[in-house]
Structure formats: structure tokens, C-alpha cells
Amino acid sequence: MCNSVIANGRSYDTPRQLAMLIGGEDRLIWQSQNPFVRWPEGKDWHDLDLCLCPIDLTATLEKAGLSYRRGDDPMEWFVSPRS
């Protein structure tokens, strides 16, 4: 299973979807290294429609000013409602 960010009852499972939650693609923080083991040489892993594995979720959510907690499943990130 890949990472997912859950906010307001909705699951955000791709960088493109997460960008909608945080206010734009330019606010995503990508991992510094390709997290995929067998990735074709020369293919860009910064794909907005892949899973969230290439995104540094801690840094991205904190930069967006969102409070979050990890779920019982460590691949689930729950965003706390804003008060």
C-alpha cells in the first residue's frame, strides 16, 4: 500500500490530488532521491499522477501549515480539521 493523506473525509493519493489540498503543485516538497527501486533510466519520477511515495509528506504538510497525525497504518496521514 502507498501513502495516503486523509482530510475532511477525502483521501488524497497522488501528488496532483495533494496539491489541490495544499494550494498548488509548487507547494509540494519532493524527496531528494528517487524512492522507486526499479525505475527506468531517464524516466522522471516527479509524476503528478503517481503515488505519494516521492513526496516528503512531513515537510509538505508542515509547509502548508496543516496539523496531522499518522494513523495506525503508518502509510495513512490524517490532517486535523482547521479551527
PDB file of N, CA and C in Angstrom:
ATOM      1  N   MET A   1       0.842  -1.177   0.000  1.00  0.00           N
ATOM      2  CA  MET A   1       0.000   0.000   0.000  1.00  0.00           C
ATOM      3  C   MET A   1       0.888   1.242   0.000  1.00  0.00           C
ATOM      4  N   CYS A   2       0.447   2.266  -0.687  1.00  0.00           N
ATOM      5  CA  CYS A   2       1.174   3.527  -0.735  1.00  0.00           C
ATOM      6  C   CYS A   2       0.588   4.506   0.278  1.00  0.00           C
ATOM      7  N   ASN A   3       1.293   5.606   0.456  1.00  0.00           N
ATOM      8  CA  ASN A   3       0.828   6.647   1.363  1.00  0.00           C
ATOM      9  C   ASN A   3      -0.472   7.268   0.881  1.00  0.00           C
ATOM     10  N   SER A   4      -1.267   7.704   1.851  1.00  0.00           N
ATOM     11  CA  SER A   4      -2.448   8.494   1.534  1.00  0.00           C
ATOM     12  C   SER A   4      -2.629   9.534   2.629  1.00  0.00           C
ATOM     13  N   VAL A   5      -3.128  10.683   2.219  1.00  0.00           N
ATOM     14  CA  VAL A   5      -3.427  11.769   3.144  1.00  0.00           C
ATOM     15  C   VAL A   5      -4.939  11.886   3.189  1.00  0.00           C
ATOM     16  N   ILE A   6      -5.502  11.821   4.384  1.00  0.00           N
ATOM     17  CA  ILE A   6      -6.948  11.885   4.546  1.00  0.00           C
ATOM     18  C   ILE A   6      -7.300  13.202   5.231  1.00  0.00           C
ATOM     19  N   ALA A   7      -8.165  13.970   4.582  1.00  0.00           N
ATOM     20  CA  ALA A   7      -8.596  15.258   5.124  1.00  0.00           C
ATOM     21  C   ALA A   7     -10.072  15.452   4.795  1.00  0.00           C
ATOM     22  N   ASN A   8     -10.826  15.852   5.785  1.00  0.00           N
ATOM     23  CA  ASN A   8     -12.258  16.116   5.595  1.00  0.00           C
ATOM     24  C   ASN A   8     -12.991  14.951   4.941  1.00  0.00           C
ATOM     25  N   GLY A   9     -12.609  13.724   5.315  1.00  0.00           N
ATOM     26  CA  GLY A   9     -13.273  12.539   4.797  1.00  0.00           C
ATOM     27  C   GLY A   9     -12.867  12.143   3.387  1.00  0.00           C
ATOM     28  N   ARG A  10     -11.894  12.818   2.817  1.00  0.00           N
ATOM     29  CA  ARG A  10     -11.444  12.513   1.463  1.00  0.00           C
ATOM     30  C   ARG A  10     -10.007  12.025   1.499  1.00  0.00           C
ATOM     31  N   SER A  11      -9.695  11.061   0.651  1.00  0.00           N
ATOM     32  CA  SER A  11      -8.345  10.523   0.550  1.00  0.00           C
ATOM     33  C   SER A  11      -7.631  11.154  -0.649  1.00  0.00           C
ATOM     34  N   TYR A  12      -6.419  11.654  -0.390  1.00  0.00           N
ATOM     35  CA  TYR A  12      -5.570  12.231  -1.428  1.00  0.00           C
ATOM     36  C   TYR A  12      -4.424  11.252  -1.651  1.00  0.00           C
ATOM     37  N   ASP A  13      -4.375  10.660  -2.850  1.00  0.00           N
ATOM     38  CA  ASP A  13      -3.466   9.543  -3.102  1.00  0.00           C
ATOM     39  C   ASP A  13      -2.386   9.810  -4.145  1.00  0.00           C
ATOM     40  N   THR A  14      -2.447  10.943  -4.816  1.00  0.00           N
ATOM     41  CA  THR A  14      -1.431  11.284  -5.814  1.00  0.00           C
ATOM     42  C   THR A  14      -0.907  12.693  -5.524  1.00  0.00           C
ATOM     43  N   PRO A  15       0.267  13.021  -6.031  1.00  0.00           N
ATOM     44  CA  PRO A  15       0.764  14.384  -5.850  1.00  0.00           C
ATOM     45  C   PRO A  15      -0.206  15.441  -6.403  1.00  0.00           C
ATOM     46  N   ARG A  16      -0.844  15.154  -7.517  1.00  0.00           N
ATOM     47  CA  ARG A  16      -1.802  16.106  -8.105  1.00  0.00           C
ATOM     48  C   ARG A  16      -2.970  16.351  -7.148  1.00  0.00           C
ATOM     49  N   GLN A  17      -3.495  15.288  -6.555  1.00  0.00           N
ATOM     50  CA  GLN A  17      -4.598  15.431  -5.607  1.00  0.00           C
ATOM     51  C   GLN A  17      -4.149  16.185  -4.361  1.00  0.00           C
ATOM     52  N   LEU A  18      -2.972  15.839  -3.849  1.00  0.00           N
ATOM     53  CA  LEU A  18      -2.460  16.511  -2.658  1.00  0.00           C
ATOM     54  C   LEU A  18      -2.247  17.995  -2.924  1.00  0.00           C
ATOM     55  N   ALA A  19      -1.797  18.338  -4.126  1.00  0.00           N
ATOM     56  CA  ALA A  19      -1.592  19.742  -4.490  1.00  0.00           C
ATOM     57  C   ALA A  19      -2.899  20.529  -4.363  1.00  0.00           C
ATOM     58  N   MET A  20      -4.021  19.908  -4.677  1.00  0.00           N
ATOM     59  CA  MET A  20      -5.315  20.583  -4.521  1.00  0.00           C
ATOM     60  C   MET A  20      -5.582  20.910  -3.054  1.00  0.00           C
ATOM     61  N   LEU A  21      -5.174  20.024  -2.158  1.00  0.00           N
ATOM     62  CA  LEU A  21      -5.389  20.227  -0.728  1.00  0.00           C
ATOM     63  C   LEU A  21      -4.500  21.340  -0.182  1.00  0.00           C
ATOM     64  N   ILE A  22      -3.259  21.408  -0.637  1.00  0.00           N
ATOM     65  CA  ILE A  22      -2.297  22.330  -0.031  1.00  0.00           C
ATOM     66  C   ILE A  22      -2.154  23.661  -0.772  1.00  0.00           C
ATOM     67  N   GLY A  23      -2.852  23.818  -1.890  1.00  0.00           N
ATOM     68  CA  GLY A  23      -2.831  25.117  -2.553  1.00  0.00           C
ATOM     69  C   GLY A  23      -1.937  25.238  -3.767  1.00  0.00           C
ATOM     70  N   GLY A  24      -1.581  24.136  -4.370  1.00  0.00           N
ATOM     71  CA  GLY A  24      -0.834  24.205  -5.624  1.00  0.00           C
ATOM     72  C   GLY A  24       0.351  23.265  -5.702  1.00  0.00           C
ATOM     73  N   GLU A  25       0.695  22.902  -6.935  1.00  0.00           N
ATOM     74  CA  GLU A  25       1.792  21.968  -7.186  1.00  0.00           C
ATOM     75  C   GLU A  25       3.131  22.511  -6.720  1.00  0.00           C
ATOM     76  N   ASP A  26       3.299  23.831  -6.732  1.00  0.00           N
ATOM     77  CA  ASP A  26       4.565  24.429  -6.329  1.00  0.00           C
ATOM     78  C   ASP A  26       4.804  24.310  -4.825  1.00  0.00           C
ATOM     79  N   ARG A  27       3.805  23.896  -4.072  1.00  0.00           N
ATOM     80  CA  ARG A  27       3.943  23.737  -2.625  1.00  0.00           C
ATOM     81  C   ARG A  27       4.331  22.312  -2.229  1.00  0.00           C
ATOM     82  N   LEU A  28       4.379  21.399  -3.201  1.00  0.00           N
ATOM     83  CA  LEU A  28       4.811  20.027  -2.926  1.00  0.00           C
ATOM     84  C   LEU A  28       6.313  20.009  -2.676  1.00  0.00           C
ATOM     85  N   ILE A  29       6.741  19.220  -1.714  1.00  0.00           N
ATOM     86  CA  ILE A  29       8.176  19.039  -1.475  1.00  0.00           C
ATOM     87  C   ILE A  29       8.510  17.590  -1.817  1.00  0.00           C
ATOM     88  N   TRP A  30       9.337  17.442  -2.835  1.00  0.00           N
ATOM     89  CA  TRP A  30       9.697  16.117  -3.329  1.00  0.00           C
ATOM     90  C   TRP A  30      10.868  15.553  -2.532  1.00  0.00           C
ATOM     91  N   GLN A  31      10.908  14.232  -2.424  1.00  0.00           N
ATOM     92  CA  GLN A  31      12.057  13.563  -1.813  1.00  0.00           C
ATOM     93  C   GLN A  31      13.305  13.949  -2.609  1.00  0.00           C
ATOM     94  N   SER A  32      14.438  13.923  -1.967  1.00  0.00           N
ATOM     95  CA  SER A  32      15.674  14.293  -2.665  1.00  0.00           C
ATOM     96  C   SER A  32      16.198  13.166  -3.557  1.00  0.00           C
ATOM     97  N   GLN A  33      15.731  11.941  -3.320  1.00  0.00           N
ATOM     98  CA  GLN A  33      16.159  10.813  -4.151  1.00  0.00           C
ATOM     99  C   GLN A  33      14.943  10.028  -4.612  1.00  0.00           C
ATOM    100  N   ASN A  34      15.080   9.394  -5.747  1.00  0.00           N
ATOM    101  CA  ASN A  34      14.021   8.562  -6.299  1.00  0.00           C
ATOM    102  C   ASN A  34      13.719   7.417  -5.339  1.00  0.00           C
ATOM    103  N   PRO A  35      12.497   7.316  -4.827  1.00  0.00           N
ATOM    104  CA  PRO A  35      12.174   6.261  -3.875  1.00  0.00           C
ATOM    105  C   PRO A  35      11.838   4.916  -4.528  1.00  0.00           C
ATOM    106  N   PHE A  36      11.770   4.900  -5.837  1.00  0.00           N
ATOM    107  CA  PHE A  36      11.378   3.676  -6.526  1.00  0.00           C
ATOM    108  C   PHE A  36      12.607   2.848  -6.873  1.00  0.00           C
ATOM    109  N   VAL A  37      12.596   1.584  -6.500  1.00  0.00           N
ATOM    110  CA  VAL A  37      13.756   0.716  -6.675  1.00  0.00           C
ATOM    111  C   VAL A  37      14.055   0.453  -8.150  1.00  0.00           C
ATOM    112  N   ARG A  38      13.089  -0.037  -8.866  1.00  0.00           N
ATOM    113  CA  ARG A  38      13.305  -0.383 -10.284  1.00  0.00           C
ATOM    114  C   ARG A  38      12.628   0.657 -11.168  1.00  0.00           C
ATOM    115  N   TRP A  39      13.266   1.758 -11.349  1.00  0.00           N
ATOM    116  CA  TRP A  39      12.684   2.836 -12.150  1.00  0.00           C
ATOM    117  C   TRP A  39      13.499   2.976 -13.426  1.00  0.00           C
ATOM    118  N   PRO A  40      12.841   3.047 -14.582  1.00  0.00           N
ATOM    119  CA  PRO A  40      13.578   3.122 -15.848  1.00  0.00           C
ATOM    120  C   PRO A  40      14.525   4.323 -15.903  1.00  0.00           C
ATOM    121  N   GLU A  41      15.715   4.081 -16.364  1.00  0.00           N
ATOM    122  CA  GLU A  41      16.725   5.138 -16.509  1.00  0.00           C
ATOM    123  C   GLU A  41      16.179   6.246 -17.406  1.00  0.00           C
ATOM    124  N   GLY A  42      16.322   7.464 -16.957  1.00  0.00           N
ATOM    125  CA  GLY A  42      15.902   8.613 -17.751  1.00  0.00           C
ATOM    126  C   GLY A  42      14.442   8.995 -17.598  1.00  0.00           C
ATOM    127  N   LYS A  43      13.638   8.163 -16.957  1.00  0.00           N
ATOM    128  CA  LYS A  43      12.230   8.499 -16.769  1.00  0.00           C
ATOM    129  C   LYS A  43      12.081   9.347 -15.507  1.00  0.00           C
ATOM    130  N   ASP A  44      11.353  10.446 -15.619  1.00  0.00           N
ATOM    131  CA  ASP A  44      11.183  11.356 -14.500  1.00  0.00           C
ATOM    132  C   ASP A  44      10.202  10.766 -13.493  1.00  0.00           C
ATOM    133  N   TRP A  45      10.619  10.647 -12.240  1.00  0.00           N
ATOM    134  CA  TRP A  45       9.748  10.098 -11.200  1.00  0.00           C
ATOM    135  C   TRP A  45       8.934  11.185 -10.514  1.00  0.00           C
ATOM    136  N   HIS A  46       9.095  12.439 -10.938  1.00  0.00           N
ATOM    137  CA  HIS A  46       8.286  13.542 -10.422  1.00  0.00           C
ATOM    138  C   HIS A  46       6.975  13.611 -11.210  1.00  0.00           C
ATOM    139  N   ASP A  47       6.222  12.553 -11.167  1.00  0.00           N
ATOM    140  CA  ASP A  47       4.979  12.441 -11.920  1.00  0.00           C
ATOM    141  C   ASP A  47       3.816  12.755 -10.983  1.00  0.00           C
ATOM    142  N   LEU A  48       2.983  13.699 -11.365  1.00  0.00           N
ATOM    143  CA  LEU A  48       1.873  14.134 -10.506  1.00  0.00           C
ATOM    144  C   LEU A  48       0.772  13.098 -10.375  1.00  0.00           C
ATOM    145  N   ASP A  49       0.782  12.076 -11.236  1.00  0.00           N
ATOM    146  CA  ASP A  49      -0.271  11.068 -11.169  1.00  0.00           C
ATOM    147  C   ASP A  49       0.190   9.745 -10.584  1.00  0.00           C
ATOM    148  N   LEU A  50       1.440   9.705 -10.081  1.00  0.00           N
ATOM    149  CA  LEU A  50       1.915   8.501  -9.387  1.00  0.00           C
ATOM    150  C   LEU A  50       1.443   8.541  -7.938  1.00  0.00           C
ATOM    151  N   CYS A  51       1.929   7.633  -7.144  1.00  0.00           N
ATOM    152  CA  CYS A  51       1.585   7.603  -5.721  1.00  0.00           C
ATOM    153  C   CYS A  51       2.340   8.710  -4.973  1.00  0.00           C
ATOM    154  N   LEU A  52       2.073   8.836  -3.691  1.00  0.00           N
ATOM    155  CA  LEU A  52       2.682   9.884  -2.878  1.00  0.00           C
ATOM    156  C   LEU A  52       4.088   9.532  -2.371  1.00  0.00           C
ATOM    157  N   CYS A  53       4.617   8.365  -2.716  1.00  0.00           N
ATOM    158  CA  CYS A  53       5.939   7.961  -2.224  1.00  0.00           C
ATOM    159  C   CYS A  53       7.043   8.980  -2.518  1.00  0.00           C
ATOM    160  N   PRO A  54       7.043   9.665  -3.673  1.00  0.00           N
ATOM    161  CA  PRO A  54       8.109  10.629  -3.925  1.00  0.00           C
ATOM    162  C   PRO A  54       7.957  11.952  -3.169  1.00  0.00           C
ATOM    163  N   ILE A  55       6.851  12.140  -2.464  1.00  0.00           N
ATOM    164  CA  ILE A  55       6.607  13.397  -1.750  1.00  0.00           C
ATOM    165  C   ILE A  55       7.085  13.271  -0.307  1.00  0.00           C
ATOM    166  N   ASP A  56       7.783  14.287   0.164  1.00  0.00           N
ATOM    167  CA  ASP A  56       8.156  14.369   1.573  1.00  0.00           C
ATOM    168  C   ASP A  56       6.919  14.903   2.291  1.00  0.00           C
ATOM    169  N   LEU A  57       6.103  13.993   2.802  1.00  0.00           N
ATOM    170  CA  LEU A  57       4.813  14.383   3.366  1.00  0.00           C
ATOM    171  C   LEU A  57       4.953  15.229   4.620  1.00  0.00           C
ATOM    172  N   THR A  58       5.894  14.909   5.481  1.00  0.00           N
ATOM    173  CA  THR A  58       6.085  15.713   6.690  1.00  0.00           C
ATOM    174  C   THR A  58       6.379  17.161   6.307  1.00  0.00           C
ATOM    175  N   ALA A  59       7.354  17.364   5.453  1.00  0.00           N
ATOM    176  CA  ALA A  59       7.742  18.719   5.053  1.00  0.00           C
ATOM    177  C   ALA A  59       6.620  19.423   4.294  1.00  0.00           C
ATOM    178  N   THR A  60       5.940  18.697   3.426  1.00  0.00           N
ATOM    179  CA  THR A  60       4.864  19.293   2.627  1.00  0.00           C
ATOM    180  C   THR A  60       3.703  19.746   3.506  1.00  0.00           C
ATOM    181  N   LEU A  61       3.263  18.874   4.404  1.00  0.00           N
ATOM    182  CA  LEU A  61       2.127  19.230   5.265  1.00  0.00           C
ATOM    183  C   LEU A  61       2.488  20.355   6.229  1.00  0.00           C
ATOM    184  N   GLU A  62       3.702  20.330   6.745  1.00  0.00           N
ATOM    185  CA  GLU A  62       4.132  21.397   7.649  1.00  0.00           C
ATOM    186  C   GLU A  62       4.264  22.724   6.917  1.00  0.00           C
ATOM    187  N   LYS A  63       4.806  22.708   5.703  1.00  0.00           N
ATOM    188  CA  LYS A  63       4.928  23.930   4.903  1.00  0.00           C
ATOM    189  C   LYS A  63       3.548  24.519   4.616  1.00  0.00           C
ATOM    190  N   ALA A  64       2.559  23.643   4.432  1.00  0.00           N
ATOM    191  CA  ALA A  64       1.193  24.095   4.154  1.00  0.00           C
ATOM    192  C   ALA A  64       0.482  24.562   5.425  1.00  0.00           C
ATOM    193  N   GLY A  65       1.141  24.396   6.575  1.00  0.00           N
ATOM    194  CA  GLY A  65       0.541  24.827   7.836  1.00  0.00           C
ATOM    195  C   GLY A  65      -0.564  23.915   8.332  1.00  0.00           C
ATOM    196  N   LEU A  66      -0.519  22.650   7.903  1.00  0.00           N
ATOM    197  CA  LEU A  66      -1.555  21.691   8.303  1.00  0.00           C
ATOM    198  C   LEU A  66      -1.086  20.856   9.487  1.00  0.00           C
ATOM    199  N   SER A  67      -1.980  20.649  10.428  1.00  0.00           N
ATOM    200  CA  SER A  67      -1.698  19.729  11.534  1.00  0.00           C
ATOM    201  C   SER A  67      -2.099  18.337  11.069  1.00  0.00           C
ATOM    202  N   TYR A  68      -1.324  17.348  11.463  1.00  0.00           N
ATOM    203  CA  TYR A  68      -1.600  15.986  11.012  1.00  0.00           C
ATOM    204  C   TYR A  68      -1.154  14.994  12.074  1.00  0.00           C
ATOM    205  N   ARG A  69      -1.613  13.766  11.894  1.00  0.00           N
ATOM    206  CA  ARG A  69      -1.157  12.655  12.724  1.00  0.00           C
ATOM    207  C   ARG A  69      -1.067  11.441  11.827  1.00  0.00           C
ATOM    208  N   ARG A  70      -0.199  10.522  12.203  1.00  0.00           N
ATOM    209  CA  ARG A  70      -0.090   9.261  11.470  1.00  0.00           C
ATOM    210  C   ARG A  70      -1.140   8.310  12.006  1.00  0.00           C
ATOM    211  N   GLY A  71      -1.697   7.505  11.132  1.00  0.00           N
ATOM    212  CA  GLY A  71      -2.702   6.539  11.529  1.00  0.00           C
ATOM    213  C   GLY A  71      -2.084   5.288  12.119  1.00  0.00           C
ATOM    214  N   ASP A  72      -2.929   4.345  12.518  1.00  0.00           N
ATOM    215  CA  ASP A  72      -2.442   3.050  12.971  1.00  0.00           C
ATOM    216  C   ASP A  72      -1.639   2.389  11.858  1.00  0.00           C
ATOM    217  N   ASP A  73      -2.089   2.583  10.630  1.00  0.00           N
ATOM    218  CA  ASP A  73      -1.322   2.190   9.459  1.00  0.00           C
ATOM    219  C   ASP A  73      -0.381   3.365   9.178  1.00  0.00           C
ATOM    220  N   PRO A  74       0.930   3.182   9.292  1.00  0.00           N
ATOM    221  CA  PRO A  74       1.853   4.308   9.135  1.00  0.00           C
ATOM    222  C   PRO A  74       1.849   4.939   7.739  1.00  0.00           C
ATOM    223  N   MET A  75       1.153   4.332   6.800  1.00  0.00           N
ATOM    224  CA  MET A  75       1.056   4.887   5.456  1.00  0.00           C
ATOM    225  C   MET A  75      -0.109   5.880   5.346  1.00  0.00           C
ATOM    226  N   GLU A  76      -0.907   6.003   6.407  1.00  0.00           N
ATOM    227  CA  GLU A  76      -2.030   6.932   6.408  1.00  0.00           C
ATOM    228  C   GLU A  76      -1.685   8.169   7.235  1.00  0.00           C
ATOM    229  N   TRP A  77      -1.904   9.319   6.669  1.00  0.00           N
ATOM    230  CA  TRP A  77      -1.655  10.604   7.301  1.00  0.00           C
ATOM    231  C   TRP A  77      -3.000  11.320   7.408  1.00  0.00           C
ATOM    232  N   PHE A  78      -3.424  11.642   8.610  1.00  0.00           N
ATOM    233  CA  PHE A  78      -4.706  12.294   8.831  1.00  0.00           C
ATOM    234  C   PHE A  78      -4.491  13.771   9.144  1.00  0.00           C
ATOM    235  N   VAL A  79      -5.087  14.625   8.324  1.00  0.00           N
ATOM    236  CA  VAL A  79      -4.990  16.065   8.523  1.00  0.00           C
ATOM    237  C   VAL A  79      -6.090  16.475   9.488  1.00  0.00           C
ATOM    238  N   SER A  80      -5.706  17.217  10.521  1.00  0.00           N
ATOM    239  CA  SER A  80      -6.669  17.686  11.505  1.00  0.00           C
ATOM    240  C   SER A  80      -7.479  18.834  10.911  1.00  0.00           C
ATOM    241  N   PRO A  81      -8.775  18.873  11.222  1.00  0.00           N
ATOM    242  CA  PRO A  81      -9.590  19.978  10.726  1.00  0.00           C
ATOM    243  C   PRO A  81      -9.073  21.302  11.287  1.00  0.00           C
ATOM    244  N   ARG A  82      -9.143  22.322  10.459  1.00  0.00           N
ATOM    245  CA  ARG A  82      -8.738  23.659  10.913  1.00  0.00           C
ATOM    246  C   ARG A  82      -9.834  24.237  11.776  1.00  0.00           C
ATOM    247  N   SER A  83      -9.400  24.910  12.843  1.00  0.00           N
ATOM    248  CA  SER A  83     -10.406  25.501  13.734  1.00  0.00           C
ATOM    249  C   SER A  83     -10.508  26.991  13.529  1.00  0.00           C
TER     250      SER A  83
END
